[in-house]
């Protein structure tokens, strides 16, 4: 019987890559909140709204390099 962390970990490592990936996905999903699907849907909707705003020119985009430069200057 597998009952310690090391036993479980070593057994998992012995699985083929595809099964390890499936196991990792299932373990990761087990950490989700009960309402994770609802949270994900809300974030997906928000992301779509923001994407559409960019596509329609409703927002001013700032290059990432400029943002990082400004953030670095604040920490001095």
PDB file of N, CA and C in Angstrom:
ATOM      1  N   UNK A   1       0.841  -1.185   0.000  1.00  0.00           N
ATOM      2  CA  UNK A   1       0.000   0.000   0.000  1.00  0.00           C
ATOM      3  C   UNK A   1       0.884   1.246   0.000  1.00  0.00           C
ATOM      4  N   UNK A   2       0.575   2.195  -0.871  1.00  0.00           N
ATOM      5  CA  UNK A   2       1.315   3.453  -0.965  1.00  0.00           C
ATOM      6  C   UNK A   2       0.723   4.419   0.052  1.00  0.00           C
ATOM      7  N   UNK A   3       1.561   4.878   0.993  1.00  0.00           N
ATOM      8  CA  UNK A   3       0.977   5.732   2.022  1.00  0.00           C
ATOM      9  C   UNK A   3       1.853   6.906   2.448  1.00  0.00           C
ATOM     10  N   UNK A   4       3.053   7.022   1.948  1.00  0.00           N
ATOM     11  CA  UNK A   4       3.846   8.185   2.313  1.00  0.00           C
ATOM     12  C   UNK A   4       4.015   9.071   1.086  1.00  0.00           C
ATOM     13  N   UNK A   5       4.343  10.318   1.345  1.00  0.00           N
ATOM     14  CA  UNK A   5       4.564  11.260   0.247  1.00  0.00           C
ATOM     15  C   UNK A   5       5.605  10.716  -0.723  1.00  0.00           C
ATOM     16  N   UNK A   6       6.734  10.244  -0.212  1.00  0.00           N
ATOM     17  CA  UNK A   6       7.800   9.745  -1.081  1.00  0.00           C
ATOM     18  C   UNK A   6       7.327   8.559  -1.911  1.00  0.00           C
ATOM     19  N   UNK A   7       6.555   7.655  -1.304  1.00  0.00           N
ATOM     20  CA  UNK A   7       6.021   6.510  -2.051  1.00  0.00           C
ATOM     21  C   UNK A   7       5.108   6.978  -3.181  1.00  0.00           C
ATOM     22  N   UNK A   8       4.216   7.899  -2.847  1.00  0.00           N
ATOM     23  CA  UNK A   8       3.274   8.412  -3.846  1.00  0.00           C
ATOM     24  C   UNK A   8       4.027   9.134  -4.955  1.00  0.00           C
ATOM     25  N   UNK A   9       4.978   9.974  -4.571  1.00  0.00           N
ATOM     26  CA  UNK A   9       5.744  10.735  -5.548  1.00  0.00           C
ATOM     27  C   UNK A   9       6.529   9.816  -6.472  1.00  0.00           C
ATOM     28  N   UNK A  10       7.211   8.841  -5.914  1.00  0.00           N
ATOM     29  CA  UNK A  10       8.003   7.916  -6.723  1.00  0.00           C
ATOM     30  C   UNK A  10       7.113   7.067  -7.631  1.00  0.00           C
ATOM     31  N   UNK A  11       5.967   6.672  -7.138  1.00  0.00           N
ATOM     32  CA  UNK A  11       5.036   5.911  -7.971  1.00  0.00           C
ATOM     33  C   UNK A  11       4.535   6.777  -9.127  1.00  0.00           C
ATOM     34  N   UNK A  12       4.212   8.019  -8.825  1.00  0.00           N
ATOM     35  CA  UNK A  12       3.751   8.937  -9.872  1.00  0.00           C
ATOM     36  C   UNK A  12       4.844   9.151 -10.920  1.00  0.00           C
ATOM     37  N   UNK A  13       6.084   9.282 -10.488  1.00  0.00           N
ATOM     38  CA  UNK A  13       7.186   9.480 -11.428  1.00  0.00           C
ATOM     39  C   UNK A  13       7.400   8.267 -12.326  1.00  0.00           C
ATOM     40  N   UNK A  14       6.982   7.110 -11.884  1.00  0.00           N
ATOM     41  CA  UNK A  14       7.171   5.898 -12.689  1.00  0.00           C
ATOM     42  C   UNK A  14       6.114   5.780 -13.791  1.00  0.00           C
ATOM     43  N   UNK A  15       5.093   6.616 -13.753  1.00  0.00           N
ATOM     44  CA  UNK A  15       4.049   6.587 -14.786  1.00  0.00           C
ATOM     45  C   UNK A  15       4.583   7.145 -16.095  1.00  0.00           C
ATOM     46  N   UNK A  16       4.003   6.724 -17.217  1.00  0.00           N
ATOM     47  CA  UNK A  16       4.371   7.324 -18.505  1.00  0.00           C
ATOM     48  C   UNK A  16       4.009   8.813 -18.510  1.00  0.00           C
ATOM     49  N   UNK A  17       4.699   9.625 -19.314  1.00  0.00           N
ATOM     50  CA  UNK A  17       4.466  11.074 -19.310  1.00  0.00           C
ATOM     51  C   UNK A  17       3.004  11.481 -19.462  1.00  0.00           C
ATOM     52  N   UNK A  18       2.267  10.837 -20.337  1.00  0.00           N
ATOM     53  CA  UNK A  18       0.859  11.200 -20.528  1.00  0.00           C
ATOM     54  C   UNK A  18       0.031  11.004 -19.271  1.00  0.00           C
ATOM     55  N   UNK A  19       0.262   9.902 -18.582  1.00  0.00           N
ATOM     56  CA  UNK A  19      -0.476   9.650 -17.338  1.00  0.00           C
ATOM     57  C   UNK A  19      -0.037  10.596 -16.231  1.00  0.00           C
ATOM     58  N   UNK A  20       1.256  10.929 -16.188  1.00  0.00           N
ATOM     59  CA  UNK A  20       1.728  11.914 -15.197  1.00  0.00           C
ATOM     60  C   UNK A  20       1.043  13.255 -15.430  1.00  0.00           C
ATOM     61  N   UNK A  21       0.907  13.641 -16.702  1.00  0.00           N
ATOM     62  CA  UNK A  21       0.237  14.903 -17.022  1.00  0.00           C
ATOM     63  C   UNK A  21      -1.219  14.870 -16.581  1.00  0.00           C
ATOM     64  N   UNK A  22      -1.898  13.751 -16.839  1.00  0.00           N
ATOM     65  CA  UNK A  22      -3.290  13.632 -16.411  1.00  0.00           C
ATOM     66  C   UNK A  22      -3.405  13.699 -14.898  1.00  0.00           C
ATOM     67  N   UNK A  23      -2.501  13.022 -14.204  1.00  0.00           N
ATOM     68  CA  UNK A  23      -2.518  13.044 -12.739  1.00  0.00           C
ATOM     69  C   UNK A  23      -2.290  14.459 -12.228  1.00  0.00           C
ATOM     70  N   UNK A  24      -1.312  15.137 -12.818  1.00  0.00           N
ATOM     71  CA  UNK A  24      -1.022  16.509 -12.398  1.00  0.00           C
ATOM     72  C   UNK A  24      -2.236  17.406 -12.609  1.00  0.00           C
ATOM     73  N   UNK A  25      -2.901  17.246 -13.742  1.00  0.00           N
ATOM     74  CA  UNK A  25      -4.092  18.050 -14.021  1.00  0.00           C
ATOM     75  C   UNK A  25      -5.190  17.779 -12.997  1.00  0.00           C
ATOM     76  N   UNK A  26      -5.414  16.518 -12.687  1.00  0.00           N
ATOM     77  CA  UNK A  26      -6.449  16.169 -11.701  1.00  0.00           C
ATOM     78  C   UNK A  26      -6.097  16.716 -10.321  1.00  0.00           C
ATOM     79  N   UNK A  27      -4.840  16.609  -9.936  1.00  0.00           N
ATOM     80  CA  UNK A  27      -4.423  17.147  -8.633  1.00  0.00           C
ATOM     81  C   UNK A  27      -4.588  18.658  -8.600  1.00  0.00           C
ATOM     82  N   UNK A  28      -4.196  19.317  -9.683  1.00  0.00           N
ATOM     83  CA  UNK A  28      -4.317  20.772  -9.752  1.00  0.00           C
ATOM     84  C   UNK A  28      -5.783  21.191  -9.654  1.00  0.00           C
ATOM     85  N   UNK A  29      -6.650  20.507 -10.389  1.00  0.00           N
ATOM     86  CA  UNK A  29      -8.079  20.841 -10.356  1.00  0.00           C
ATOM     87  C   UNK A  29      -8.680  20.596  -8.979  1.00  0.00           C
ATOM     88  N   UNK A  30      -8.116  19.647  -8.234  1.00  0.00           N
ATOM     89  CA  UNK A  30      -8.659  19.357  -6.904  1.00  0.00           C
ATOM     90  C   UNK A  30      -8.430  20.524  -5.945  1.00  0.00           C
ATOM     91  N   UNK A  31      -7.551  21.451  -6.310  1.00  0.00           N
ATOM     92  CA  UNK A  31      -7.287  22.615  -5.469  1.00  0.00           C
ATOM     93  C   UNK A  31      -8.273  23.753  -5.717  1.00  0.00           C
ATOM     94  N   UNK A  32      -9.060  23.647  -6.786  1.00  0.00           N
ATOM     95  CA  UNK A  32     -10.006  24.701  -7.133  1.00  0.00           C
ATOM     96  C   UNK A  32     -11.085  24.861  -6.073  1.00  0.00           C
ATOM     97  N   UNK A  33     -11.575  26.079  -5.993  1.00  0.00           N
ATOM     98  CA  UNK A  33     -12.694  26.371  -5.101  1.00  0.00           C
ATOM     99  C   UNK A  33     -13.954  25.707  -5.653  1.00  0.00           C
ATOM    100  N   UNK A  34     -14.955  25.569  -4.809  1.00  0.00           N
ATOM    101  CA  UNK A  34     -16.209  24.951  -5.237  1.00  0.00           C
ATOM    102  C   UNK A  34     -16.817  25.672  -6.431  1.00  0.00           C
ATOM    103  N   UNK A  35     -16.674  26.985  -6.449  1.00  0.00           N
ATOM    104  CA  UNK A  35     -17.285  27.788  -7.502  1.00  0.00           C
ATOM    105  C   UNK A  35     -16.253  28.217  -8.552  1.00  0.00           C
ATOM    106  N   UNK A  36     -15.214  27.407  -8.749  1.00  0.00           N
ATOM    107  CA  UNK A  36     -14.146  27.781  -9.682  1.00  0.00           C
ATOM    108  C   UNK A  36     -14.653  27.958 -11.102  1.00  0.00           C
ATOM    109  N   UNK A  37     -15.599  27.143 -11.536  1.00  0.00           N
ATOM    110  CA  UNK A  37     -16.138  27.275 -12.890  1.00  0.00           C
ATOM    111  C   UNK A  37     -16.790  28.640 -13.071  1.00  0.00           C
ATOM    112  N   UNK A  38     -17.507  29.096 -12.046  1.00  0.00           N
ATOM    113  CA  UNK A  38     -18.144  30.413 -12.102  1.00  0.00           C
ATOM    114  C   UNK A  38     -17.087  31.516 -12.132  1.00  0.00           C
ATOM    115  N   UNK A  39     -16.061  31.378 -11.308  1.00  0.00           N
ATOM    116  CA  UNK A  39     -14.974  32.359 -11.282  1.00  0.00           C
ATOM    117  C   UNK A  39     -14.276  32.414 -12.637  1.00  0.00           C
ATOM    118  N   UNK A  40     -13.993  31.250 -13.210  1.00  0.00           N
ATOM    119  CA  UNK A  40     -13.344  31.191 -14.518  1.00  0.00           C
ATOM    120  C   UNK A  40     -14.201  31.859 -15.590  1.00  0.00           C
ATOM    121  N   UNK A  41     -15.511  31.644 -15.539  1.00  0.00           N
ATOM    122  CA  UNK A  41     -16.415  32.237 -16.523  1.00  0.00           C
ATOM    123  C   UNK A  41     -16.429  33.758 -16.404  1.00  0.00           C
ATOM    124  N   UNK A  42     -16.415  34.260 -15.181  1.00  0.00           N
ATOM    125  CA  UNK A  42     -16.402  35.711 -14.958  1.00  0.00           C
ATOM    126  C   UNK A  42     -15.104  36.313 -15.504  1.00  0.00           C
ATOM    127  N   UNK A  43     -13.970  35.652 -15.231  1.00  0.00           N
ATOM    128  CA  UNK A  43     -12.689  36.144 -15.745  1.00  0.00           C
ATOM    129  C   UNK A  43     -12.635  36.074 -17.263  1.00  0.00           C
ATOM    130  N   UNK A  44     -13.188  35.022 -17.844  1.00  0.00           N
ATOM    131  CA  UNK A  44     -13.206  34.893 -19.305  1.00  0.00           C
ATOM    132  C   UNK A  44     -14.022  36.025 -19.922  1.00  0.00           C
ATOM    133  N   UNK A  45     -15.144  36.345 -19.302  1.00  0.00           N
ATOM    134  CA  UNK A  45     -15.985  37.447 -19.781  1.00  0.00           C
ATOM    135  C   UNK A  45     -15.237  38.775 -19.682  1.00  0.00           C
ATOM    136  N   UNK A  46     -14.555  38.991 -18.578  1.00  0.00           N
ATOM    137  CA  UNK A  46     -13.785  40.227 -18.393  1.00  0.00           C
ATOM    138  C   UNK A  46     -12.653  40.320 -19.416  1.00  0.00           C
ATOM    139  N   UNK A  47     -11.975  39.213 -19.642  1.00  0.00           N
ATOM    140  CA  UNK A  47     -10.887  39.197 -20.631  1.00  0.00           C
ATOM    141  C   UNK A  47     -11.420  39.525 -22.017  1.00  0.00           C
ATOM    142  N   UNK A  48     -12.572  38.984 -22.362  1.00  0.00           N
ATOM    143  CA  UNK A  48     -13.175  39.269 -23.664  1.00  0.00           C
ATOM    144  C   UNK A  48     -13.544  40.738 -23.789  1.00  0.00           C
ATOM    145  N   UNK A  49     -14.096  41.327 -22.719  1.00  0.00           N
ATOM    146  CA  UNK A  49     -14.437  42.758 -22.734  1.00  0.00           C
ATOM    147  C   UNK A  49     -13.187  43.606 -22.956  1.00  0.00           C
ATOM    148  N   UNK A  50     -12.116  43.253 -22.258  1.00  0.00           N
ATOM    149  CA  UNK A  50     -10.876  44.012 -22.399  1.00  0.00           C
ATOM    150  C   UNK A  50     -10.288  43.846 -23.797  1.00  0.00           C
ATOM    151  N   UNK A  51     -10.343  42.638 -24.333  1.00  0.00           N
ATOM    152  CA  UNK A  51      -9.852  42.391 -25.690  1.00  0.00           C
ATOM    153  C   UNK A  51     -10.636  43.231 -26.694  1.00  0.00           C
ATOM    154  N   UNK A  52     -11.951  43.240 -26.561  1.00  0.00           N
ATOM    155  CA  UNK A  52     -12.795  44.018 -27.476  1.00  0.00           C
ATOM    156  C   UNK A  52     -12.497  45.513 -27.358  1.00  0.00           C
ATOM    157  N   UNK A  53     -12.259  45.995 -26.148  1.00  0.00           N
ATOM    158  CA  UNK A  53     -11.924  47.403 -25.947  1.00  0.00           C
ATOM    159  C   UNK A  53     -10.628  47.756 -26.671  1.00  0.00           C
ATOM    160  N   UNK A  54      -9.658  46.870 -26.612  1.00  0.00           N
ATOM    161  CA  UNK A  54      -8.389  47.091 -27.319  1.00  0.00           C
ATOM    162  C   UNK A  54      -8.626  47.071 -28.821  1.00  0.00           C
ATOM    163  N   UNK A  55      -9.346  46.057 -29.291  1.00  0.00           N
ATOM    164  CA  UNK A  55      -9.611  45.918 -30.724  1.00  0.00           C
ATOM    165  C   UNK A  55     -10.354  47.117 -31.295  1.00  0.00           C
ATOM    166  N   UNK A  56     -11.242  47.707 -30.502  1.00  0.00           N
ATOM    167  CA  UNK A  56     -12.041  48.835 -30.960  1.00  0.00           C
ATOM    168  C   UNK A  56     -11.369  50.183 -30.691  1.00  0.00           C
ATOM    169  N   UNK A  57     -10.147  50.146 -30.177  1.00  0.00           N
ATOM    170  CA  UNK A  57      -9.398  51.375 -29.938  1.00  0.00           C
ATOM    171  C   UNK A  57      -9.937  52.220 -28.792  1.00  0.00           C
ATOM    172  N   UNK A  58     -10.614  51.592 -27.859  1.00  0.00           N
ATOM    173  CA  UNK A  58     -11.219  52.323 -26.737  1.00  0.00           C
ATOM    174  C   UNK A  58     -10.238  52.566 -25.597  1.00  0.00           C
ATOM    175  N   UNK A  59      -9.081  51.950 -25.654  1.00  0.00           N
ATOM    176  CA  UNK A  59      -8.087  52.117 -24.589  1.00  0.00           C
ATOM    177  C   UNK A  59      -6.746  52.490 -25.201  1.00  0.00           C
ATOM    178  N   UNK A  60      -5.947  53.207 -24.424  1.00  0.00           N
ATOM    179  CA  UNK A  60      -4.596  53.532 -24.858  1.00  0.00           C
ATOM    180  C   UNK A  60      -3.649  52.472 -24.330  1.00  0.00           C
ATOM    181  N   UNK A  61      -2.918  51.851 -25.239  1.00  0.00           N
ATOM    182  CA  UNK A  61      -1.976  50.814 -24.842  1.00  0.00           C
ATOM    183  C   UNK A  61      -0.628  51.435 -24.513  1.00  0.00           C
ATOM    184  N   UNK A  62       0.011  50.883 -23.518  1.00  0.00           N
ATOM    185  CA  UNK A  62       1.335  51.334 -23.109  1.00  0.00           C
ATOM    186  C   UNK A  62       2.292  50.172 -23.321  1.00  0.00           C
ATOM    187  N   UNK A  63       3.388  50.410 -24.048  1.00  0.00           N
ATOM    188  CA  UNK A  63       4.348  49.321 -24.263  1.00  0.00           C
ATOM    189  C   UNK A  63       4.871  48.777 -22.937  1.00  0.00           C
ATOM    190  N   UNK A  64       5.064  47.469 -22.878  1.00  0.00           N
ATOM    191  CA  UNK A  64       5.540  46.814 -21.661  1.00  0.00           C
ATOM    192  C   UNK A  64       6.849  47.383 -21.161  1.00  0.00           C
ATOM    193  N   UNK A  65       7.760  47.702 -22.084  1.00  0.00           N
ATOM    194  CA  UNK A  65       9.051  48.269 -21.684  1.00  0.00           C
ATOM    195  C   UNK A  65       8.871  49.585 -20.936  1.00  0.00           C
ATOM    196  N   UNK A  66       7.933  50.404 -21.395  1.00  0.00           N
ATOM    197  CA  UNK A  66       7.670  51.682 -20.732  1.00  0.00           C
ATOM    198  C   UNK A  66       7.101  51.461 -19.331  1.00  0.00           C
ATOM    199  N   UNK A  67       6.194  50.530 -19.214  1.00  0.00           N
ATOM    200  CA  UNK A  67       5.593  50.221 -17.906  1.00  0.00           C
ATOM    201  C   UNK A  67       6.677  49.769 -16.934  1.00  0.00           C
ATOM    202  N   UNK A  68       7.529  48.849 -17.378  1.00  0.00           N
ATOM    203  CA  UNK A  68       8.600  48.357 -16.512  1.00  0.00           C
ATOM    204  C   UNK A  68       9.567  49.464 -16.127  1.00  0.00           C
ATOM    205  N   UNK A  69       9.888  50.318 -17.071  1.00  0.00           N
ATOM    206  CA  UNK A  69      10.783  51.442 -16.788  1.00  0.00           C
ATOM    207  C   UNK A  69      10.186  52.352 -15.706  1.00  0.00           C
ATOM    208  N   UNK A  70       8.903  52.655 -15.847  1.00  0.00           N
ATOM    209  CA  UNK A  70       8.231  53.511 -14.853  1.00  0.00           C
ATOM    210  C   UNK A  70       8.170  52.845 -13.487  1.00  0.00           C
ATOM    211  N   UNK A  71       7.907  51.544 -13.463  1.00  0.00           N
ATOM    212  CA  UNK A  71       7.866  50.829 -12.186  1.00  0.00           C
ATOM    213  C   UNK A  71       9.239  50.813 -11.517  1.00  0.00           C
ATOM    214  N   UNK A  72      10.264  50.589 -12.313  1.00  0.00           N
ATOM    215  CA  UNK A  72      11.617  50.581 -11.759  1.00  0.00           C
ATOM    216  C   UNK A  72      12.002  51.946 -11.203  1.00  0.00           C
ATOM    217  N   UNK A  73      11.559  53.005 -11.860  1.00  0.00           N
ATOM    218  CA  UNK A  73      11.908  54.355 -11.398  1.00  0.00           C
ATOM    219  C   UNK A  73      11.201  54.684 -10.081  1.00  0.00           C
ATOM    220  N   UNK A  74      10.065  54.076  -9.828  1.00  0.00           N
ATOM    221  CA  UNK A  74       9.340  54.305  -8.566  1.00  0.00           C
ATOM    222  C   UNK A  74      10.074  53.696  -7.378  1.00  0.00           C
ATOM    223  N   UNK A  75      10.810  52.634  -7.611  1.00  0.00           N
ATOM    224  CA  UNK A  75      11.469  51.937  -6.501  1.00  0.00           C
ATOM    225  C   UNK A  75      12.801  52.544  -6.116  1.00  0.00           C
ATOM    226  N   UNK A  76      13.196  53.604  -6.800  1.00  0.00           N
ATOM    227  CA  UNK A  76      14.486  54.256  -6.496  1.00  0.00           C
ATOM    228  C   UNK A  76      14.318  55.318  -5.444  1.00  0.00           C
TER     229      UNK A  76
END
